């Protein structure tokens, strides 16, 4: 199971990012545990200055925009 965190303020882009990640994981039949992190101190601990950001298994894989579906699929293939 992949541990996924969506870092951000809870804005529309952050919610969209979390929904896309869930949709892609379901389509690929990959089990994930997704968590939304809205605490600024926790976000800064990852060195992220632009949100939404995505962390998979404690590695920052994306930041600053809503990711594309194909990029999300690539994260899960690694």
Protein backbone atom coordinates (compact mmCIF):
# COMPACT_ATOMS: atom_id res chain seq x y z
CA UNK A 1 0.00 0.00 0.00
CA UNK A 2 1.30 3.43 -0.97
CA UNK A 3 1.15 6.25 1.56
CA UNK A 4 0.11 9.44 -0.25
CA UNK A 5 -0.05 12.95 1.20
CA UNK A 6 -1.53 15.96 -0.55
CA UNK A 7 0.01 19.10 0.91
CA UNK A 8 -1.91 22.35 0.69
CA UNK A 9 -4.30 24.81 2.23
CA UNK A 10 -7.42 22.87 1.33
CA UNK A 11 -8.10 24.98 -1.76
CA UNK A 12 -9.91 23.78 -4.88
CA UNK A 13 -6.64 22.69 -6.55
CA UNK A 14 -5.68 20.64 -3.48
CA UNK A 15 -9.06 18.89 -3.45
CA UNK A 16 -8.86 18.27 -7.19
CA UNK A 17 -5.38 16.79 -6.79
CA UNK A 18 -6.53 14.41 -4.05
CA UNK A 19 -9.54 13.32 -6.12
CA UNK A 20 -7.40 12.69 -9.23
CA UNK A 21 -4.91 10.62 -7.27
CA UNK A 22 -7.73 8.49 -5.83
CA UNK A 23 -9.29 8.02 -9.28
CA UNK A 24 -6.02 6.96 -10.91
CA UNK A 25 -5.15 4.59 -8.06
CA UNK A 26 -8.60 2.98 -8.30
CA UNK A 27 -8.28 2.61 -12.08
CA UNK A 28 -4.88 0.94 -11.67
CA UNK A 29 -6.15 -1.19 -8.77
CA UNK A 30 -3.47 0.20 -6.47
CA UNK A 31 -4.26 0.49 -2.79
CA UNK A 32 -3.36 3.84 -1.29
CA UNK A 33 -3.74 5.55 2.03
CA UNK A 34 -4.33 9.22 1.18
CA UNK A 35 -3.98 12.03 3.69
CA UNK A 36 -4.55 15.75 3.23
CA UNK A 37 -1.98 17.85 5.09
CA UNK A 38 -3.07 21.44 5.67
CA UNK A 39 -0.77 22.39 8.55
CA UNK A 40 1.73 24.97 7.29
CA UNK A 41 4.55 23.73 9.57
CA UNK A 42 4.16 20.16 8.29
CA UNK A 43 4.12 21.38 4.69
CA UNK A 44 7.29 23.42 5.24
CA UNK A 45 8.98 20.37 6.78
CA UNK A 46 8.94 18.85 3.26
CA UNK A 47 10.60 21.98 1.84
CA UNK A 48 7.52 22.78 -0.23
CA UNK A 49 6.89 26.42 -1.13
CA UNK A 50 4.18 25.92 -3.77
CA UNK A 51 1.01 23.88 -3.34
CA UNK A 52 -0.63 21.59 -4.05
CA UNK A 53 2.22 19.19 -3.51
CA UNK A 54 2.21 15.41 -3.47
CA UNK A 55 4.30 13.13 -1.27
CA UNK A 56 4.39 9.39 -1.90
CA UNK A 57 6.08 7.18 0.66
CA UNK A 58 7.75 10.29 2.16
CA UNK A 59 9.20 11.49 -1.19
CA UNK A 60 7.98 14.76 -2.72
CA UNK A 61 6.98 13.84 -6.28
CA UNK A 62 5.14 16.98 -7.38
CA UNK A 63 4.55 20.57 -6.34
CA UNK A 64 2.93 23.77 -7.51
CA UNK A 65 0.04 22.61 -9.71
CA UNK A 66 -2.65 20.02 -10.26
CA UNK A 67 -0.83 17.00 -11.73
CA UNK A 68 -1.87 15.32 -14.98
CA UNK A 69 -3.35 11.82 -14.89
CA UNK A 70 -0.45 10.29 -16.82
CA UNK A 71 2.05 11.75 -14.36
CA UNK A 72 0.10 10.29 -11.44
CA UNK A 73 0.09 6.86 -13.12
CA UNK A 74 3.87 7.06 -13.52
CA UNK A 75 4.29 7.72 -9.78
CA UNK A 76 2.52 4.47 -9.00
CA UNK A 77 4.60 2.47 -11.49
CA UNK A 78 7.82 3.24 -9.59
